[in-house]
Amino acid sequence: MRSIRLDSAVSIRGKIQMLMVLFLVMFMISACAGINIEATRALSMTGRNAAIQMQQNIFVSDKEYLRARDSEALLHGFSGTTRLGKYTEILKLYNEIHWELAKRSVVFEKLADLYDAFGELAGLDAGEQTEKALGDIGGAIKEYAEQLKQPPPIYSDTTAVISKIGGLVATEIQKAKIKEASIQIRARVEDIQKLLENKLIREQMTGFQEFLLSDRKAAFVKLWDAGVYDPTPLLNDFGADVGLVAQKYVTTLIKTNKELKDALAEVLDKRLTIKSELTKQSYDASLGVLKHLVTEHKKLEQGKPLDLTRLRAIVAELRSIAVLLTKAKTD
């Protein structure tokens, strides 16, 4: 009798375990059923394009800072103040900005690689590739945080966090992996956003840029007064719309005509100011991209329809800013 009861208890326990496994499988299938494979591909492509464009704009910003640094060196060299403490401190700030931009560039490079892997996950089993990309960007984010003197984010080991998922039918396994990958990617994007919103970065993009702008203007004025620059190209550009070109003696004319000299100085001032404003716009647009990426990842994970229109529009804005900044250098 006791043997029969024992067998019955074992049987009941086995049935309970089977029901629990079945419930777990059904829960996972239900949780991942809303994952849209095509939406994943679209988000991965848009995320990759966004990361590449943000990195491109960093290159443009870095070149602007390097040009400003050259102006700073020329200005202090011209005035004989290169040995003063202020100049040394300014160069230190330039170096810090350069390294911040360099580290930030690596972060977005790794983010583009991560979205590449994410896109592959929507087409085949690229779990290991995605895990490696997660590890790579995690390292880049930590280095960036250290450059900003901020506590680096702590990530759990991503080894096999995606590729180990199994136990379901093939389609649901893929969706479960996509959902887990999206959660992991979103966490990285949120960390990048927090670091980029750091007060130090904002100060670099506003206060220090204003300081650089004033010094670059001063450098241009000194060189202009010294007769180094030929204003002919600037005047030819101004008159191009109506087919006018500057006369040969225009340089002498400007030296003796204060009103004309002040007018041309105003043109230079506005060109420099526009470049500074474009750099700030690029920074704000990058923050907007990161914010929208987070939002779209949440929608993907919840099985909601994505709306990538605004995200793509901001990426296009970044591309336009980069073109305008590059064009401004040759104007």
C-alpha atoms as a PDB file:
ATOM      1  CA  MET A   1       0.000   0.000   0.000  1.00  0.00           C
ATOM      2  CA  ARG A   2       2.799   2.433   0.936  1.00  0.00           C
ATOM      3  CA  SER A   3       4.560   1.526  -2.328  1.00  0.00           C
ATOM      4  CA  ILE A   4       1.432   2.386  -4.306  1.00  0.00           C
ATOM      5  CA  ARG A   5       1.112   5.733  -2.503  1.00  0.00           C
ATOM      6  CA  LEU A   6       4.817   6.487  -3.132  1.00  0.00           C
ATOM      7  CA  ASP A   7       4.444   5.713  -6.827  1.00  0.00           C
ATOM      8  CA  SER A   8       1.375   7.888  -6.955  1.00  0.00           C
ATOM      9  CA  ALA A   9       3.224  10.792  -5.279  1.00  0.00           C
ATOM     10  CA  VAL A  10       6.123  10.475  -7.728  1.00  0.00           C
ATOM     11  CA  SER A  11       3.669  10.442 -10.600  1.00  0.00           C
ATOM     12  CA  ILE A  12       1.904  13.555  -9.322  1.00  0.00           C
ATOM     13  CA  ARG A  13       5.250  15.313  -8.793  1.00  0.00           C
ATOM     14  CA  GLY A  14       6.299  14.450 -12.323  1.00  0.00           C
ATOM     15  CA  LYS A  15       3.062  15.806 -13.737  1.00  0.00           C
ATOM     16  CA  ILE A  16       3.501  19.029 -11.763  1.00  0.00           C
ATOM     17  CA  GLN A  17       7.049  19.436 -13.095  1.00  0.00           C
ATOM     18  CA  MET A  18       5.831  18.835 -16.642  1.00  0.00           C
ATOM     19  CA  LEU A  19       3.084  21.388 -16.172  1.00  0.00           C
ATOM     20  CA  MET A  20       5.592  23.894 -14.811  1.00  0.00           C
ATOM     21  CA  VAL A  21       7.879  23.350 -17.815  1.00  0.00           C
ATOM     22  CA  LEU A  22       4.917  23.648 -20.160  1.00  0.00           C
ATOM     23  CA  PHE A  23       3.793  26.829 -18.403  1.00  0.00           C
ATOM     24  CA  LEU A  24       7.291  28.264 -18.670  1.00  0.00           C
ATOM     25  CA  VAL A  25       7.482  27.423 -22.367  1.00  0.00           C
ATOM     26  CA  MET A  26       4.048  28.947 -22.997  1.00  0.00           C
ATOM     27  CA  PHE A  27       5.032  32.032 -21.005  1.00  0.00           C
ATOM     28  CA  MET A  28       8.212  32.510 -23.038  1.00  0.00           C
ATOM     29  CA  ILE A  29       6.349  31.962 -26.290  1.00  0.00           C
ATOM     30  CA  SER A  30       3.704  34.486 -25.237  1.00  0.00           C
ATOM     31  CA  ALA A  31       6.351  36.996 -24.101  1.00  0.00           C
ATOM     32  CA  CYS A  32       8.203  36.820 -27.412  1.00  0.00           C
ATOM     33  CA  ALA A  33       5.269  36.299 -29.770  1.00  0.00           C
ATOM     34  CA  GLY A  34       4.964  40.043 -30.401  1.00  0.00           C
ATOM     35  CA  ILE A  35       8.590  40.439 -31.555  1.00  0.00           C
ATOM     36  CA  ASN A  36       8.544  41.545 -35.177  1.00  0.00           C
ATOM     37  CA  ILE A  37      11.463  40.214 -37.247  1.00  0.00           C
ATOM     38  CA  GLU A  38      11.123  42.830 -39.993  1.00  0.00           C
ATOM     39  CA  ALA A  39      10.910  45.620 -37.403  1.00  0.00           C
ATOM     40  CA  THR A  40      14.132  44.257 -35.883  1.00  0.00           C
ATOM     41  CA  ARG A  41      15.890  44.488 -39.235  1.00  0.00           C
ATOM     42  CA  ALA A  42      14.633  48.051 -39.739  1.00  0.00           C
ATOM     43  CA  LEU A  43      15.737  49.124 -36.252  1.00  0.00           C
ATOM     44  CA  SER A  44      19.153  47.520 -36.665  1.00  0.00           C
ATOM     45  CA  MET A  45      19.723  49.294 -39.987  1.00  0.00           C
ATOM     46  CA  THR A  46      18.540  52.649 -38.646  1.00  0.00           C
ATOM     47  CA  GLY A  47      20.600  52.216 -35.467  1.00  0.00           C
ATOM     48  CA  ARG A  48      23.708  51.390 -37.487  1.00  0.00           C
ATOM     49  CA  ASN A  49      23.232  54.403 -39.784  1.00  0.00           C
ATOM     50  CA  ALA A  50      22.688  56.623 -36.735  1.00  0.00           C
ATOM     51  CA  ALA A  51      25.851  55.386 -35.018  1.00  0.00           C
ATOM     52  CA  ILE A  52      27.950  55.866 -38.164  1.00  0.00           C
ATOM     53  CA  GLN A  53      26.610  59.404 -38.682  1.00  0.00           C
ATOM     54  CA  MET A  54      27.186  60.361 -35.040  1.00  0.00           C
ATOM     55  CA  GLN A  55      30.756  59.125 -35.377  1.00  0.00           C
ATOM     56  CA  GLN A  56      31.193  61.132 -38.600  1.00  0.00           C
ATOM     57  CA  ASN A  57      29.998  64.292 -36.855  1.00  0.00           C
ATOM     58  CA  ILE A  58      32.516  63.684 -34.072  1.00  0.00           C
ATOM     59  CA  PHE A  59      35.283  63.691 -36.702  1.00  0.00           C
ATOM     60  CA  VAL A  60      34.006  67.011 -38.038  1.00  0.00           C
ATOM     61  CA  SER A  61      33.814  68.491 -34.512  1.00  0.00           C
ATOM     62  CA  ASP A  62      37.322  67.270 -33.716  1.00  0.00           C
ATOM     63  CA  LYS A  63      38.711  68.947 -36.825  1.00  0.00           C
ATOM     64  CA  GLU A  64      37.017  72.182 -35.799  1.00  0.00           C
ATOM     65  CA  TYR A  65      38.667  72.007 -32.382  1.00  0.00           C
ATOM     66  CA  LEU A  66      42.054  71.314 -33.974  1.00  0.00           C
ATOM     67  CA  ARG A  67      41.630  74.336 -36.243  1.00  0.00           C
ATOM     68  CA  ALA A  68      40.717  76.443 -33.230  1.00  0.00           C
ATOM     69  CA  ARG A  69      43.786  75.150 -31.393  1.00  0.00           C
ATOM     70  CA  ASP A  70      45.982  76.193 -34.329  1.00  0.00           C
ATOM     71  CA  SER A  71      44.431  79.662 -34.189  1.00  0.00           C
ATOM     72  CA  GLU A  72      45.147  79.768 -30.473  1.00  0.00           C
ATOM     73  CA  ALA A  73      48.797  78.864 -31.050  1.00  0.00           C
ATOM     74  CA  LEU A  74      49.116  81.444 -33.801  1.00  0.00           C
ATOM     75  CA  LEU A  75      47.486  84.161 -31.681  1.00  0.00           C
ATOM     76  CA  HIS A  76      49.722  83.531 -28.665  1.00  0.00           C
ATOM     77  CA  GLY A  77      52.771  83.097 -30.859  1.00  0.00           C
ATOM     78  CA  PHE A  78      52.040  86.391 -32.593  1.00  0.00           C
ATOM     79  CA  SER A  79      51.681  88.194 -29.258  1.00  0.00           C
ATOM     80  CA  GLY A  80      54.633  86.413 -27.646  1.00  0.00           C
ATOM     81  CA  THR A  81      52.561  84.884 -24.813  1.00  0.00           C
ATOM     82  CA  THR A  82      53.124  81.172 -25.487  1.00  0.00           C
ATOM     83  CA  ARG A  83      55.102  80.774 -22.260  1.00  0.00           C
ATOM     84  CA  LEU A  84      52.336  82.107 -20.032  1.00  0.00           C
ATOM     85  CA  GLY A  85      50.363  79.802 -17.741  1.00  0.00           C
ATOM     86  CA  LYS A  86      47.054  80.686 -19.390  1.00  0.00           C
ATOM     87  CA  TYR A  87      48.226  79.347 -22.741  1.00  0.00           C
ATOM     88  CA  THR A  88      49.438  76.116 -21.154  1.00  0.00           C
ATOM     89  CA  GLU A  89      46.070  75.671 -19.444  1.00  0.00           C
ATOM     90  CA  ILE A  90      44.235  76.264 -22.719  1.00  0.00           C
ATOM     91  CA  LEU A  91      46.324  73.605 -24.482  1.00  0.00           C
ATOM     92  CA  LYS A  92      45.518  71.190 -21.651  1.00  0.00           C
ATOM     93  CA  LEU A  93      41.799  71.789 -22.223  1.00  0.00           C
ATOM     94  CA  TYR A  94      42.252  71.186 -25.952  1.00  0.00           C
ATOM     95  CA  ASN A  95      43.942  67.856 -25.255  1.00  0.00           C
ATOM     96  CA  GLU A  96      41.143  66.792 -22.908  1.00  0.00           C
ATOM     97  CA  ILE A  97      38.521  67.644 -25.523  1.00  0.00           C
ATOM     98  CA  HIS A  98      40.460  65.808 -28.228  1.00  0.00           C
ATOM     99  CA  TRP A  99      40.663  62.635 -26.135  1.00  0.00           C
ATOM    100  CA  GLU A 100      37.013  62.882 -25.103  1.00  0.00           C
ATOM    101  CA  LEU A 101      35.999  63.065 -28.756  1.00  0.00           C
ATOM    102  CA  ALA A 102      38.349  60.198 -29.650  1.00  0.00           C
ATOM    103  CA  LYS A 103      36.881  57.932 -26.949  1.00  0.00           C
ATOM    104  CA  ARG A 104      33.363  58.946 -27.931  1.00  0.00           C
ATOM    105  CA  SER A 105      34.146  58.049 -31.545  1.00  0.00           C
ATOM    106  CA  VAL A 106      35.166  54.516 -30.518  1.00  0.00           C
ATOM    107  CA  VAL A 107      31.894  54.135 -28.587  1.00  0.00           C
ATOM    108  CA  PHE A 108      29.834  54.931 -31.687  1.00  0.00           C
ATOM    109  CA  GLU A 109      32.044  52.722 -33.857  1.00  0.00           C
ATOM    110  CA  LYS A 110      31.308  49.791 -31.534  1.00  0.00           C
ATOM    111  CA  LEU A 111      27.622  50.739 -31.445  1.00  0.00           C
ATOM    112  CA  ALA A 112      27.495  50.476 -35.244  1.00  0.00           C
ATOM    113  CA  ASP A 113      29.105  47.015 -35.018  1.00  0.00           C
ATOM    114  CA  LEU A 114      26.556  46.011 -32.393  1.00  0.00           C
ATOM    115  CA  TYR A 115      23.639  47.021 -34.608  1.00  0.00           C
ATOM    116  CA  ASP A 116      25.239  45.057 -37.453  1.00  0.00           C
ATOM    117  CA  ALA A 117      25.213  41.956 -35.268  1.00  0.00           C
ATOM    118  CA  PHE A 118      21.668  42.718 -34.121  1.00  0.00           C
ATOM    119  CA  GLY A 119      20.544  42.788 -37.740  1.00  0.00           C
ATOM    120  CA  GLU A 120      22.212  39.426 -38.374  1.00  0.00           C
ATOM    121  CA  LEU A 121      20.347  38.008 -35.388  1.00  0.00           C
ATOM    122  CA  ALA A 122      17.095  38.795 -37.200  1.00  0.00           C
ATOM    123  CA  GLY A 123      18.168  36.656 -40.151  1.00  0.00           C
ATOM    124  CA  LEU A 124      20.132  33.804 -38.610  1.00  0.00           C
ATOM    125  CA  ASP A 125      21.619  32.558 -35.360  1.00  0.00           C
ATOM    126  CA  ALA A 126      24.196  35.268 -34.645  1.00  0.00           C
ATOM    127  CA  GLY A 127      24.006  35.006 -30.862  1.00  0.00           C
ATOM    128  CA  GLU A 128      27.758  34.691 -30.330  1.00  0.00           C
ATOM    129  CA  GLN A 129      28.452  37.589 -32.716  1.00  0.00           C
ATOM    130  CA  THR A 130      25.987  39.788 -30.831  1.00  0.00           C
ATOM    131  CA  GLU A 131      27.453  38.783 -27.461  1.00  0.00           C
ATOM    132  CA  LYS A 132      30.954  39.731 -28.665  1.00  0.00           C
ATOM    133  CA  ALA A 133      29.663  43.086 -29.940  1.00  0.00           C
ATOM    134  CA  LEU A 134      27.997  43.703 -26.563  1.00  0.00           C
ATOM    135  CA  GLY A 135      31.285  43.000 -24.821  1.00  0.00           C
ATOM    136  CA  ASP A 136      33.186  45.316 -27.179  1.00  0.00           C
ATOM    137  CA  ILE A 137      30.873  48.270 -26.706  1.00  0.00           C
ATOM    138  CA  GLY A 138      30.799  47.652 -22.955  1.00  0.00           C
ATOM    139  CA  GLY A 139      34.579  48.090 -22.889  1.00  0.00           C
ATOM    140  CA  ALA A 140      34.399  51.241 -25.033  1.00  0.00           C
ATOM    141  CA  ILE A 141      31.728  52.773 -22.770  1.00  0.00           C
ATOM    142  CA  LYS A 142      33.828  52.054 -19.673  1.00  0.00           C
ATOM    143  CA  GLU A 143      36.878  53.746 -21.235  1.00  0.00           C
ATOM    144  CA  TYR A 144      34.741  56.731 -22.224  1.00  0.00           C
ATOM    145  CA  ALA A 145      33.363  57.013 -18.683  1.00  0.00           C
ATOM    146  CA  GLU A 146      36.898  56.918 -17.282  1.00  0.00           C
ATOM    147  CA  GLN A 147      37.936  59.672 -19.703  1.00  0.00           C
ATOM    148  CA  LEU A 148      35.076  61.775 -18.304  1.00  0.00           C
ATOM    149  CA  LYS A 149      36.108  60.824 -14.755  1.00  0.00           C
ATOM    150  CA  GLN A 150      32.676  59.239 -14.240  1.00  0.00           C
ATOM    151  CA  PRO A 151      31.875  55.885 -12.575  1.00  0.00           C
ATOM    152  CA  PRO A 152      31.848  53.300 -15.378  1.00  0.00           C
ATOM    153  CA  PRO A 153      28.654  51.254 -15.845  1.00  0.00           C
ATOM    154  CA  ILE A 154      28.826  47.715 -14.475  1.00  0.00           C
ATOM    155  CA  TYR A 155      27.732  45.027 -16.931  1.00  0.00           C
ATOM    156  CA  SER A 156      27.079  41.391 -16.166  1.00  0.00           C
ATOM    157  CA  ASP A 157      28.951  38.799 -18.204  1.00  0.00           C
ATOM    158  CA  THR A 158      27.264  38.619 -21.616  1.00  0.00           C
ATOM    159  CA  THR A 159      28.896  35.292 -22.509  1.00  0.00           C
ATOM    160  CA  ALA A 160      26.145  32.958 -23.744  1.00  0.00           C
ATOM    161  CA  VAL A 161      23.431  35.324 -22.464  1.00  0.00           C
ATOM    162  CA  ILE A 162      21.814  35.173 -25.908  1.00  0.00           C
ATOM    163  CA  SER A 163      23.187  32.036 -27.577  1.00  0.00           C
ATOM    164  CA  LYS A 164      22.182  29.824 -24.612  1.00  0.00           C
ATOM    165  CA  ILE A 165      18.476  30.559 -25.171  1.00  0.00           C
ATOM    166  CA  GLY A 166      16.681  27.409 -26.322  1.00  0.00           C
ATOM    167  CA  GLY A 167      13.934  24.956 -25.569  1.00  0.00           C
ATOM    168  CA  LEU A 168      11.329  26.486 -27.879  1.00  0.00           C
ATOM    169  CA  VAL A 169      10.389  26.077 -31.511  1.00  0.00           C
ATOM    170  CA  ALA A 170      12.927  27.659 -33.872  1.00  0.00           C
ATOM    171  CA  THR A 171      10.997  30.859 -34.574  1.00  0.00           C
ATOM    172  CA  GLU A 172      10.345  31.519 -30.911  1.00  0.00           C
ATOM    173  CA  ILE A 173      13.996  30.842 -30.037  1.00  0.00           C
ATOM    174  CA  GLN A 174      14.979  33.526 -32.543  1.00  0.00           C
ATOM    175  CA  LYS A 175      12.442  35.983 -31.142  1.00  0.00           C
ATOM    176  CA  ALA A 176      13.574  35.305 -27.578  1.00  0.00           C
ATOM    177  CA  LYS A 177      17.174  35.990 -28.595  1.00  0.00           C
ATOM    178  CA  ILE A 178      16.160  39.192 -30.356  1.00  0.00           C
ATOM    179  CA  LYS A 179      14.267  40.391 -27.291  1.00  0.00           C
ATOM    180  CA  GLU A 180      17.201  39.666 -24.956  1.00  0.00           C
ATOM    181  CA  ALA A 181      19.623  41.355 -27.377  1.00  0.00           C
ATOM    182  CA  SER A 182      17.364  44.414 -27.598  1.00  0.00           C
ATOM    183  CA  ILE A 183      17.251  44.703 -23.799  1.00  0.00           C
ATOM    184  CA  GLN A 184      21.053  44.502 -23.635  1.00  0.00           C
ATOM    185  CA  ILE A 185      21.551  47.031 -26.459  1.00  0.00           C
ATOM    186  CA  ARG A 186      19.051  49.447 -24.942  1.00  0.00           C
ATOM    187  CA  ALA A 187      20.962  49.386 -21.656  1.00  0.00           C
ATOM    188  CA  ARG A 188      24.165  50.368 -23.504  1.00  0.00           C
ATOM    189  CA  VAL A 189      22.438  53.140 -25.431  1.00  0.00           C
ATOM    190  CA  GLU A 190      21.010  54.518 -22.172  1.00  0.00           C
ATOM    191  CA  ASP A 191      24.498  54.516 -20.635  1.00  0.00           C
ATOM    192  CA  ILE A 192      25.926  56.378 -23.635  1.00  0.00           C
ATOM    193  CA  GLN A 193      23.119  58.918 -23.362  1.00  0.00           C
ATOM    194  CA  LYS A 194      23.817  59.507 -19.655  1.00  0.00           C
ATOM    195  CA  LEU A 195      27.537  60.003 -20.280  1.00  0.00           C
ATOM    196  CA  LEU A 196      26.936  62.362 -23.206  1.00  0.00           C
ATOM    197  CA  GLU A 197      24.561  64.438 -21.079  1.00  0.00           C
ATOM    198  CA  ASN A 198      27.399  64.945 -18.582  1.00  0.00           C
ATOM    199  CA  LYS A 199      27.834  68.586 -17.524  1.00  0.00           C
ATOM    200  CA  LEU A 200      31.473  68.524 -18.660  1.00  0.00           C
ATOM    201  CA  ILE A 201      30.482  67.661 -22.225  1.00  0.00           C
ATOM    202  CA  ARG A 202      27.813  70.343 -22.312  1.00  0.00           C
ATOM    203  CA  GLU A 203      30.359  72.900 -21.073  1.00  0.00           C
ATOM    204  CA  GLN A 204      32.768  71.891 -23.824  1.00  0.00           C
ATOM    205  CA  MET A 205      30.059  72.366 -26.408  1.00  0.00           C
ATOM    206  CA  THR A 206      28.932  75.769 -25.114  1.00  0.00           C
ATOM    207  CA  GLY A 207      31.172  77.753 -22.744  1.00  0.00           C
ATOM    208  CA  PHE A 208      34.533  76.627 -24.064  1.00  0.00           C
ATOM    209  CA  GLN A 209      33.377  76.950 -27.659  1.00  0.00           C
ATOM    210  CA  GLU A 210      32.391  80.555 -27.017  1.00  0.00           C
ATOM    211  CA  PHE A 211      35.861  81.162 -25.621  1.00  0.00           C
ATOM    212  CA  LEU A 212      37.451  79.540 -28.667  1.00  0.00           C
ATOM    213  CA  LEU A 213      35.285  81.609 -30.957  1.00  0.00           C
ATOM    214  CA  SER A 214      36.401  84.893 -29.406  1.00  0.00           C
ATOM    215  CA  ASP A 215      40.064  83.883 -29.650  1.00  0.00           C
ATOM    216  CA  ARG A 216      39.759  82.794 -33.268  1.00  0.00           C
ATOM    217  CA  LYS A 217      38.201  86.149 -34.120  1.00  0.00           C
ATOM    218  CA  ALA A 218      41.089  87.905 -32.372  1.00  0.00           C
ATOM    219  CA  ALA A 219      43.599  85.827 -34.350  1.00  0.00           C
ATOM    220  CA  PHE A 220      41.930  86.732 -37.649  1.00  0.00           C
ATOM    221  CA  VAL A 221      41.895  90.440 -36.763  1.00  0.00           C
ATOM    222  CA  LYS A 222      45.591  90.456 -35.862  1.00  0.00           C
ATOM    223  CA  LEU A 223      46.567  88.705 -39.075  1.00  0.00           C
ATOM    224  CA  TRP A 224      44.249  90.930 -41.067  1.00  0.00           C
ATOM    225  CA  ASP A 225      45.804  94.045 -39.596  1.00  0.00           C
ATOM    226  CA  ALA A 226      49.255  92.671 -40.313  1.00  0.00           C
ATOM    227  CA  GLY A 227      48.369  92.351 -44.003  1.00  0.00           C
ATOM    228  CA  VAL A 228      48.687  88.559 -44.059  1.00  0.00           C
ATOM    229  CA  TYR A 229      45.305  87.850 -45.663  1.00  0.00           C
ATOM    230  CA  ASP A 230      44.101  88.704 -49.146  1.00  0.00           C
ATOM    231  CA  PRO A 231      40.370  89.565 -48.919  1.00  0.00           C
ATOM    232  CA  THR A 232      39.821  89.092 -52.657  1.00  0.00           C
ATOM    233  CA  PRO A 233      38.297  85.541 -52.468  1.00  0.00           C
ATOM    234  CA  LEU A 234      35.835  86.690 -49.810  1.00  0.00           C
ATOM    235  CA  LEU A 235      34.725  89.665 -51.902  1.00  0.00           C
ATOM    236  CA  ASN A 236      34.539  87.545 -55.072  1.00  0.00           C
ATOM    237  CA  ASP A 237      32.325  85.062 -53.242  1.00  0.00           C
ATOM    238  CA  PHE A 238      30.063  87.899 -52.103  1.00  0.00           C
ATOM    239  CA  GLY A 239      29.718  89.303 -55.626  1.00  0.00           C
ATOM    240  CA  ALA A 240      29.404  85.944 -57.415  1.00  0.00           C
ATOM    241  CA  ASP A 241      25.605  86.003 -57.509  1.00  0.00           C
ATOM    242  CA  VAL A 242      25.608  89.111 -59.698  1.00  0.00           C
ATOM    243  CA  GLY A 243      28.814  88.364 -61.600  1.00  0.00           C
ATOM    244  CA  LEU A 244      31.064  90.860 -59.799  1.00  0.00           C
ATOM    245  CA  VAL A 245      34.756  90.377 -58.937  1.00  0.00           C
ATOM    246  CA  ALA A 246      37.015  92.432 -56.691  1.00  0.00           C
ATOM    247  CA  GLN A 247      39.459  94.852 -58.269  1.00  0.00           C
ATOM    248  CA  LYS A 248      43.211  94.342 -58.006  1.00  0.00           C
ATOM    249  CA  TYR A 249      43.773  97.208 -55.566  1.00  0.00           C
ATOM    250  CA  VAL A 250      41.051  96.051 -53.135  1.00  0.00           C
ATOM    251  CA  THR A 251      43.565  95.211 -50.366  1.00  0.00           C
ATOM    252  CA  THR A 252      44.840  98.793 -50.339  1.00  0.00           C
ATOM    253  CA  LEU A 253      41.292 100.101 -50.467  1.00  0.00           C
ATOM    254  CA  ILE A 254      40.290  98.120 -47.379  1.00  0.00           C
ATOM    255  CA  LYS A 255      43.281  99.400 -45.398  1.00  0.00           C
ATOM    256  CA  THR A 256      42.147 102.974 -45.968  1.00  0.00           C
ATOM    257  CA  ASN A 257      38.391 102.386 -45.606  1.00  0.00           C
ATOM    258  CA  LYS A 258      37.358 101.571 -42.043  1.00  0.00           C
ATOM    259  CA  GLU A 259      33.704 101.016 -42.912  1.00  0.00           C
ATOM    260  CA  LEU A 260      34.586  98.418 -45.549  1.00  0.00           C
ATOM    261  CA  LYS A 261      37.041  96.704 -43.211  1.00  0.00           C
ATOM    262  CA  ASP A 262      34.455  96.532 -40.428  1.00  0.00           C
ATOM    263  CA  ALA A 263      31.869  95.130 -42.859  1.00  0.00           C
ATOM    264  CA  LEU A 264      34.174  92.306 -43.938  1.00  0.00           C
ATOM    265  CA  ALA A 265      35.061  91.603 -40.317  1.00  0.00           C
ATOM    266  CA  GLU A 266      31.341  91.195 -39.618  1.00  0.00           C
ATOM    267  CA  VAL A 267      31.095  88.598 -42.404  1.00  0.00           C
ATOM    268  CA  LEU A 268      33.963  86.621 -40.872  1.00  0.00           C
ATOM    269  CA  ASP A 269      32.350  86.910 -37.441  1.00  0.00           C
ATOM    270  CA  LYS A 270      29.069  85.467 -38.699  1.00  0.00           C
ATOM    271  CA  ARG A 271      30.793  82.588 -40.489  1.00  0.00           C
ATOM    272  CA  LEU A 272      32.631  81.585 -37.335  1.00  0.00           C
ATOM    273  CA  THR A 273      29.471  81.919 -35.251  1.00  0.00           C
ATOM    274  CA  ILE A 274      27.516  79.692 -37.648  1.00  0.00           C
ATOM    275  CA  LYS A 275      30.150  76.956 -37.377  1.00  0.00           C
ATOM    276  CA  SER A 276      29.982  77.116 -33.598  1.00  0.00           C
ATOM    277  CA  GLU A 277      26.185  76.855 -33.649  1.00  0.00           C
ATOM    278  CA  LEU A 278      26.319  73.904 -36.039  1.00  0.00           C
ATOM    279  CA  THR A 279      28.629  72.029 -33.674  1.00  0.00           C
ATOM    280  CA  LYS A 280      26.162  72.562 -30.818  1.00  0.00           C
ATOM    281  CA  GLN A 281      23.289  71.400 -33.030  1.00  0.00           C
ATOM    282  CA  SER A 282      25.243  68.267 -33.850  1.00  0.00           C
ATOM    283  CA  TYR A 283      25.648  67.506 -30.144  1.00  0.00           C
ATOM    284  CA  ASP A 284      21.938  68.050 -29.396  1.00  0.00           C
ATOM    285  CA  ALA A 285      20.916  65.965 -32.411  1.00  0.00           C
ATOM    286  CA  SER A 286      23.115  63.088 -31.204  1.00  0.00           C
ATOM    287  CA  LEU A 287      21.351  63.166 -27.837  1.00  0.00           C
ATOM    288  CA  GLY A 288      18.022  63.113 -29.680  1.00  0.00           C
ATOM    289  CA  VAL A 289      19.086  60.041 -31.668  1.00  0.00           C
ATOM    290  CA  LEU A 290      20.043  58.139 -28.516  1.00  0.00           C
ATOM    291  CA  LYS A 291      16.754  59.058 -26.830  1.00  0.00           C
ATOM    292  CA  HIS A 292      14.686  57.822 -29.776  1.00  0.00           C
ATOM    293  CA  LEU A 293      16.717  54.609 -30.072  1.00  0.00           C
ATOM    294  CA  VAL A 294      15.856  53.795 -26.461  1.00  0.00           C
ATOM    295  CA  THR A 295      12.169  54.451 -27.148  1.00  0.00           C
ATOM    296  CA  GLU A 296      12.082  52.239 -30.246  1.00  0.00           C
ATOM    297  CA  HIS A 297      13.876  49.382 -28.481  1.00  0.00           C
ATOM    298  CA  LYS A 298      11.229  49.448 -25.751  1.00  0.00           C
ATOM    299  CA  LYS A 299       8.495  49.270 -28.399  1.00  0.00           C
ATOM    300  CA  LEU A 300      10.209  46.325 -30.086  1.00  0.00           C
ATOM    301  CA  GLU A 301      10.479  44.434 -26.807  1.00  0.00           C
ATOM    302  CA  GLN A 302       6.802  45.087 -26.018  1.00  0.00           C
ATOM    303  CA  GLY A 303       5.659  43.957 -29.461  1.00  0.00           C
ATOM    304  CA  LYS A 304       4.448  47.438 -30.404  1.00  0.00           C
ATOM    305  CA  PRO A 305       4.769  48.955 -33.919  1.00  0.00           C
ATOM    306  CA  LEU A 306       7.922  51.007 -34.421  1.00  0.00           C
ATOM    307  CA  ASP A 307       7.982  54.571 -35.714  1.00  0.00           C
ATOM    308  CA  LEU A 308      11.446  55.262 -37.105  1.00  0.00           C
ATOM    309  CA  THR A 309      10.449  58.383 -39.041  1.00  0.00           C
ATOM    310  CA  ARG A 310      11.646  60.900 -36.445  1.00  0.00           C
ATOM    311  CA  LEU A 311      14.817  58.932 -35.778  1.00  0.00           C
ATOM    312  CA  ARG A 312      15.696  58.873 -39.466  1.00  0.00           C
ATOM    313  CA  ALA A 313      14.937  62.601 -39.710  1.00  0.00           C
ATOM    314  CA  ILE A 314      17.436  63.381 -36.930  1.00  0.00           C
ATOM    315  CA  VAL A 315      20.064  61.211 -38.635  1.00  0.00           C
ATOM    316  CA  ALA A 316      19.457  63.195 -41.834  1.00  0.00           C
ATOM    317  CA  GLU A 317      19.849  66.403 -39.809  1.00  0.00           C
ATOM    318  CA  LEU A 318      23.201  65.170 -38.499  1.00  0.00           C
ATOM    319  CA  ARG A 319      24.295  64.414 -42.047  1.00  0.00           C
ATOM    320  CA  SER A 320      23.302  67.914 -43.174  1.00  0.00           C
ATOM    321  CA  ILE A 321      25.192  69.509 -40.282  1.00  0.00           C
ATOM    322  CA  ALA A 322      28.338  67.573 -41.174  1.00  0.00           C
ATOM    323  CA  VAL A 323      28.042  68.714 -44.798  1.00  0.00           C
ATOM    324  CA  LEU A 324      27.493  72.350 -43.774  1.00  0.00           C
ATOM    325  CA  LEU A 325      30.480  72.292 -41.419  1.00  0.00           C
ATOM    326  CA  THR A 326      32.688  70.775 -44.102  1.00  0.00           C
ATOM    327  CA  LYS A 327      31.413  73.293 -46.656  1.00  0.00           C
ATOM    328  CA  ALA A 328      32.007  76.143 -44.218  1.00  0.00           C
ATOM    329  CA  LYS A 329      35.696  75.308 -44.181  1.00  0.00           C
ATOM    330  CA  THR A 330      36.007  75.862 -47.905  1.00  0.00           C
ATOM    331  CA  ASP A 331      33.717  78.900 -48.221  1.00  0.00           C
END
